[in-house]
């Protein structure tokens, strides 16, 4: 009887390219890789845009209470402003300061 086959017999062996070198790494970089490195350096040197100031904690608490209140209907799949307007159309009388805050901070999700 012959020896049983092993799973490693089905796959070709791969050799390292040199002593102490992990497989898949090339010795010399090509021109494309050098250009990508230059682009990455330029991106790192760009000044960052100033971030927006943190919103008022009372405002965040008011919005959180509005989000969690089932009184104004479900909140999945629509924006806060759309939810507020839907509640207004249904006669649920949502709080006016919520709408004012949403319109004031329209650019800040």
N, C-alpha and C. Protein backbone atom coordinates (compact mmCIF):
# COMPACT_ATOMS: atom_id res chain seq x y z
N UNK A 1 0.81 -1.17 0.00
CA UNK A 1 0.00 0.00 0.00
C UNK A 1 0.86 1.24 0.00
N UNK A 2 0.36 2.27 -0.69
CA UNK A 2 1.11 3.52 -0.75
C UNK A 2 0.75 4.43 0.42
N UNK A 3 1.51 5.47 0.53
CA UNK A 3 1.25 6.44 1.59
C UNK A 3 -0.03 7.22 1.29
N UNK A 4 -0.76 7.62 2.33
CA UNK A 4 -1.96 8.42 2.11
C UNK A 4 -1.55 9.84 1.73
N UNK A 5 -2.38 10.47 0.95
CA UNK A 5 -2.07 11.83 0.51
C UNK A 5 -2.39 12.83 1.60
N UNK A 6 -1.67 13.89 1.63
CA UNK A 6 -1.90 14.97 2.58
C UNK A 6 -2.49 16.15 1.84
N UNK A 7 -3.17 17.02 2.58
CA UNK A 7 -3.77 18.18 1.94
C UNK A 7 -2.70 19.13 1.40
N UNK A 8 -1.55 19.13 2.01
CA UNK A 8 -0.49 20.01 1.54
C UNK A 8 0.10 19.54 0.21
N UNK A 9 -0.17 18.29 -0.17
CA UNK A 9 0.31 17.79 -1.46
C UNK A 9 -0.43 18.45 -2.62
N UNK A 10 -1.60 18.99 -2.39
CA UNK A 10 -2.41 19.58 -3.45
C UNK A 10 -1.98 21.00 -3.80
N UNK A 11 -1.24 21.64 -2.92
CA UNK A 11 -0.86 23.03 -3.14
C UNK A 11 0.63 23.14 -3.39
N UNK A 12 1.02 23.98 -4.36
CA UNK A 12 2.45 24.14 -4.64
C UNK A 12 3.15 24.87 -3.50
N UNK A 13 4.39 24.54 -3.30
CA UNK A 13 5.18 25.22 -2.27
C UNK A 13 5.67 26.54 -2.80
N UNK A 14 5.71 27.53 -1.92
CA UNK A 14 6.22 28.84 -2.31
C UNK A 14 7.52 29.08 -1.57
N UNK A 15 8.44 29.66 -2.26
CA UNK A 15 9.74 29.94 -1.66
C UNK A 15 9.86 31.42 -1.35
N UNK A 16 10.62 31.73 -0.33
CA UNK A 16 10.89 33.13 -0.01
C UNK A 16 11.85 33.69 -1.04
N UNK A 17 11.81 34.98 -1.22
CA UNK A 17 12.66 35.62 -2.23
C UNK A 17 14.08 35.85 -1.74
N UNK A 18 14.27 35.83 -0.47
CA UNK A 18 15.61 36.04 0.04
C UNK A 18 15.64 35.75 1.52
N UNK A 19 16.81 35.69 2.10
CA UNK A 19 16.89 35.40 3.53
C UNK A 19 16.32 36.55 4.36
N UNK A 20 15.45 36.22 5.30
CA UNK A 20 14.90 37.21 6.21
C UNK A 20 13.88 38.14 5.59
N UNK A 21 13.41 37.84 4.42
CA UNK A 21 12.48 38.71 3.72
C UNK A 21 11.10 38.05 3.71
N UNK A 22 10.05 38.74 4.16
CA UNK A 22 8.73 38.13 4.14
C UNK A 22 8.22 37.98 2.71
N UNK A 23 7.40 37.00 2.44
CA UNK A 23 6.92 36.80 1.08
C UNK A 23 6.03 37.95 0.64
N UNK A 24 6.06 38.24 -0.65
CA UNK A 24 5.20 39.27 -1.20
C UNK A 24 5.80 40.66 -1.22
N UNK A 25 6.93 40.87 -0.63
CA UNK A 25 7.56 42.20 -0.66
C UNK A 25 8.60 42.24 -1.76
N UNK A 26 8.64 43.33 -2.46
CA UNK A 26 9.63 43.50 -3.51
C UNK A 26 10.78 44.34 -2.99
N UNK A 27 11.92 44.12 -3.57
CA UNK A 27 13.11 44.82 -3.11
C UNK A 27 13.06 46.29 -3.51
N UNK A 28 12.74 46.57 -4.76
CA UNK A 28 12.72 47.95 -5.26
C UNK A 28 11.28 48.40 -5.46
N UNK A 29 11.00 49.64 -5.09
CA UNK A 29 9.68 50.19 -5.35
C UNK A 29 9.64 50.66 -6.80
N UNK A 30 8.46 50.55 -7.40
CA UNK A 30 8.34 51.07 -8.75
C UNK A 30 7.90 52.53 -8.69
N UNK A 31 7.84 53.19 -9.84
CA UNK A 31 7.54 54.61 -9.90
C UNK A 31 6.16 54.94 -9.33
N UNK A 32 5.18 54.09 -9.56
CA UNK A 32 3.82 54.35 -9.08
C UNK A 32 3.80 54.44 -7.55
N UNK A 33 4.49 53.53 -6.87
CA UNK A 33 4.53 53.56 -5.41
C UNK A 33 5.18 54.83 -4.89
N UNK A 34 6.22 55.31 -5.57
CA UNK A 34 6.88 56.54 -5.15
C UNK A 34 5.94 57.73 -5.27
N UNK A 35 5.14 57.78 -6.37
CA UNK A 35 4.19 58.86 -6.55
C UNK A 35 3.11 58.84 -5.46
N UNK A 36 2.66 57.66 -5.07
CA UNK A 36 1.65 57.56 -4.02
C UNK A 36 2.21 58.06 -2.69
N UNK A 37 3.49 57.78 -2.42
CA UNK A 37 4.10 58.27 -1.18
C UNK A 37 4.12 59.79 -1.15
N UNK A 38 4.42 60.41 -2.30
CA UNK A 38 4.45 61.87 -2.37
C UNK A 38 3.07 62.44 -2.11
N UNK A 39 2.05 61.83 -2.67
CA UNK A 39 0.69 62.31 -2.47
C UNK A 39 0.31 62.20 -1.00
N UNK A 40 0.68 61.11 -0.35
CA UNK A 40 0.35 60.94 1.05
C UNK A 40 1.03 62.01 1.91
N UNK A 41 2.25 62.37 1.57
CA UNK A 41 2.95 63.40 2.33
C UNK A 41 2.25 64.74 2.16
N UNK A 42 1.79 65.05 0.95
CA UNK A 42 1.10 66.31 0.72
C UNK A 42 -0.21 66.36 1.51
N UNK A 43 -0.90 65.26 1.58
CA UNK A 43 -2.16 65.23 2.33
C UNK A 43 -1.89 65.45 3.81
N UNK A 44 -0.84 64.89 4.34
CA UNK A 44 -0.53 65.05 5.76
C UNK A 44 -0.15 66.48 6.09
N UNK A 45 0.47 67.21 5.13
CA UNK A 45 0.91 68.56 5.39
C UNK A 45 -0.22 69.58 5.32
N UNK A 46 -1.40 69.22 4.78
CA UNK A 46 -2.49 70.16 4.65
C UNK A 46 -3.04 70.53 6.02
N UNK A 47 -3.34 71.80 6.24
CA UNK A 47 -3.93 72.17 7.53
C UNK A 47 -5.34 71.63 7.62
N UNK A 48 -5.74 71.25 8.81
CA UNK A 48 -7.08 70.71 9.02
C UNK A 48 -8.09 71.84 9.12
N UNK A 49 -9.29 71.55 8.66
CA UNK A 49 -10.34 72.55 8.76
C UNK A 49 -10.76 72.66 10.21
N UNK A 50 -11.10 73.86 10.64
CA UNK A 50 -11.50 74.02 12.04
C UNK A 50 -12.82 73.28 12.28
N UNK A 51 -12.89 72.57 13.39
CA UNK A 51 -14.10 71.83 13.71
C UNK A 51 -15.13 72.77 14.31
N UNK A 52 -16.38 72.35 14.24
CA UNK A 52 -17.46 73.16 14.79
C UNK A 52 -17.42 73.11 16.31
N UNK A 53 -17.85 74.17 16.95
CA UNK A 53 -17.85 74.14 18.42
C UNK A 53 -18.86 73.10 18.91
N UNK A 54 -18.61 72.50 20.05
CA UNK A 54 -19.54 71.49 20.55
C UNK A 54 -20.89 72.13 20.86
N UNK A 55 -21.98 71.42 20.52
CA UNK A 55 -23.30 72.00 20.78
C UNK A 55 -23.63 72.06 22.27
N UNK A 56 -24.61 72.86 22.57
CA UNK A 56 -25.04 73.06 23.95
C UNK A 56 -25.60 71.75 24.51
N UNK A 57 -25.19 71.33 25.70
CA UNK A 57 -25.71 70.08 26.29
C UNK A 57 -27.23 70.09 26.48
N UNK A 58 -27.80 71.26 26.78
CA UNK A 58 -29.25 71.35 26.94
C UNK A 58 -29.96 71.10 25.62
N UNK A 59 -29.36 71.60 24.54
CA UNK A 59 -29.92 71.37 23.21
C UNK A 59 -29.88 69.89 22.86
N UNK A 60 -28.76 69.24 23.14
CA UNK A 60 -28.64 67.81 22.86
C UNK A 60 -29.64 67.00 23.67
N UNK A 61 -29.85 67.40 24.91
CA UNK A 61 -30.82 66.70 25.76
C UNK A 61 -32.23 66.86 25.21
N UNK A 62 -32.58 68.07 24.75
CA UNK A 62 -33.90 68.31 24.18
C UNK A 62 -34.11 67.47 22.93
N UNK A 63 -33.09 67.39 22.07
CA UNK A 63 -33.19 66.58 20.85
C UNK A 63 -33.28 65.10 21.19
N UNK A 64 -32.55 64.67 22.21
CA UNK A 64 -32.59 63.26 22.61
C UNK A 64 -33.99 62.90 23.11
N UNK A 65 -34.60 63.79 23.92
CA UNK A 65 -35.96 63.53 24.40
C UNK A 65 -36.94 63.46 23.24
N UNK A 66 -36.76 64.34 22.24
CA UNK A 66 -37.63 64.31 21.05
C UNK A 66 -37.43 63.01 20.28
N UNK A 67 -36.19 62.57 20.14
CA UNK A 67 -35.90 61.33 19.41
C UNK A 67 -36.53 60.12 20.09
N UNK A 68 -36.48 60.08 21.40
CA UNK A 68 -36.94 58.90 22.14
C UNK A 68 -38.43 58.91 22.45
N UNK A 69 -39.11 59.99 22.15
CA UNK A 69 -40.53 60.10 22.45
C UNK A 69 -41.35 59.44 21.34
N UNK A 70 -42.12 58.41 21.70
CA UNK A 70 -42.98 57.72 20.73
C UNK A 70 -44.25 58.52 20.46
N UNK A 71 -44.46 59.56 21.20
CA UNK A 71 -45.65 60.40 21.04
C UNK A 71 -45.73 60.99 19.63
N UNK A 72 -44.56 61.23 19.00
CA UNK A 72 -44.52 61.88 17.70
C UNK A 72 -44.30 60.90 16.56
N UNK A 73 -44.46 59.63 16.80
CA UNK A 73 -44.36 58.61 15.76
C UNK A 73 -42.96 58.05 15.65
N UNK A 74 -42.80 57.02 14.77
CA UNK A 74 -41.49 56.38 14.62
C UNK A 74 -40.47 57.33 14.01
N UNK A 75 -39.19 57.07 14.33
CA UNK A 75 -38.15 57.99 13.88
C UNK A 75 -37.15 57.33 12.93
N UNK A 76 -37.39 56.12 12.51
CA UNK A 76 -36.42 55.45 11.63
C UNK A 76 -36.69 55.82 10.17
N UNK A 77 -35.62 56.08 9.46
CA UNK A 77 -35.70 56.34 8.03
C UNK A 77 -36.01 57.76 7.63
N UNK A 78 -36.19 58.67 8.58
CA UNK A 78 -36.45 60.07 8.25
C UNK A 78 -35.60 60.96 9.14
N UNK A 79 -35.46 62.19 8.72
CA UNK A 79 -34.67 63.14 9.51
C UNK A 79 -35.53 63.66 10.66
N UNK A 80 -34.89 64.33 11.59
CA UNK A 80 -35.62 64.91 12.71
C UNK A 80 -36.63 65.95 12.24
N UNK A 81 -36.20 66.77 11.27
CA UNK A 81 -37.09 67.81 10.78
C UNK A 81 -38.29 67.21 10.07
N UNK A 82 -38.08 66.17 9.29
CA UNK A 82 -39.20 65.49 8.63
C UNK A 82 -40.14 64.90 9.67
N UNK A 83 -39.61 64.35 10.73
CA UNK A 83 -40.44 63.78 11.80
C UNK A 83 -41.23 64.87 12.50
N UNK A 84 -40.58 66.01 12.74
CA UNK A 84 -41.27 67.11 13.39
C UNK A 84 -42.42 67.60 12.52
N UNK A 85 -42.16 67.76 11.21
CA UNK A 85 -43.19 68.24 10.29
C UNK A 85 -44.34 67.23 10.18
N UNK A 86 -44.03 65.94 10.15
CA UNK A 86 -45.07 64.92 10.09
C UNK A 86 -45.94 64.98 11.35
N UNK A 87 -45.31 65.14 12.51
CA UNK A 87 -46.07 65.23 13.76
C UNK A 87 -46.95 66.47 13.76
N UNK A 88 -46.47 67.56 13.20
CA UNK A 88 -47.25 68.80 13.12
C UNK A 88 -48.47 68.59 12.22
N UNK A 89 -48.27 67.93 11.08
CA UNK A 89 -49.38 67.68 10.15
C UNK A 89 -50.44 66.77 10.77
N UNK A 90 -50.01 65.85 11.62
CA UNK A 90 -50.95 64.94 12.27
C UNK A 90 -51.60 65.54 13.51
N UNK A 91 -51.24 66.78 13.84
CA UNK A 91 -51.84 67.46 14.98
C UNK A 91 -51.32 66.99 16.32
N UNK A 92 -50.07 66.50 16.37
CA UNK A 92 -49.51 65.99 17.61
C UNK A 92 -48.81 67.07 18.43
N UNK A 93 -48.77 68.27 17.93
CA UNK A 93 -48.14 69.44 18.56
C UNK A 93 -46.74 69.14 19.12
N UNK A 94 -45.76 68.93 18.22
CA UNK A 94 -44.37 68.74 18.68
C UNK A 94 -43.82 70.05 19.23
N UNK A 95 -42.80 69.99 20.07
CA UNK A 95 -42.25 71.22 20.68
C UNK A 95 -41.62 72.13 19.63
N UNK A 96 -41.97 73.41 19.71
CA UNK A 96 -41.46 74.40 18.77
C UNK A 96 -39.96 74.63 18.87
N UNK A 97 -39.37 74.61 20.08
CA UNK A 97 -37.92 74.84 20.16
C UNK A 97 -37.10 73.77 19.42
N UNK A 98 -37.65 72.58 19.29
CA UNK A 98 -36.93 71.52 18.54
C UNK A 98 -36.80 71.94 17.08
N UNK A 99 -37.91 72.42 16.50
CA UNK A 99 -37.87 72.84 15.09
C UNK A 99 -36.91 74.03 14.92
N UNK A 100 -36.97 74.98 15.83
CA UNK A 100 -36.07 76.14 15.75
C UNK A 100 -34.60 75.70 15.79
N UNK A 101 -34.29 74.76 16.68
CA UNK A 101 -32.91 74.28 16.80
C UNK A 101 -32.50 73.54 15.54
N UNK A 102 -33.41 72.75 14.97
CA UNK A 102 -33.08 72.00 13.75
C UNK A 102 -32.83 72.94 12.57
N UNK A 103 -33.62 73.99 12.47
CA UNK A 103 -33.42 74.94 11.39
C UNK A 103 -32.17 75.79 11.61
N UNK A 104 -31.85 76.09 12.84
CA UNK A 104 -30.65 76.89 13.15
C UNK A 104 -29.37 76.12 12.87
N UNK A 105 -29.36 74.83 13.18
CA UNK A 105 -28.17 73.99 13.00
C UNK A 105 -28.37 73.02 11.85
N UNK A 106 -28.86 73.50 10.74
CA UNK A 106 -29.17 72.64 9.59
C UNK A 106 -27.93 71.90 9.07
N UNK A 107 -26.77 72.52 9.15
CA UNK A 107 -25.55 71.91 8.61
C UNK A 107 -24.88 70.92 9.57
N UNK A 108 -25.36 70.82 10.79
CA UNK A 108 -24.73 69.95 11.78
C UNK A 108 -25.68 68.79 12.10
N UNK A 109 -25.34 67.58 11.64
CA UNK A 109 -26.25 66.44 11.86
C UNK A 109 -26.30 66.06 13.31
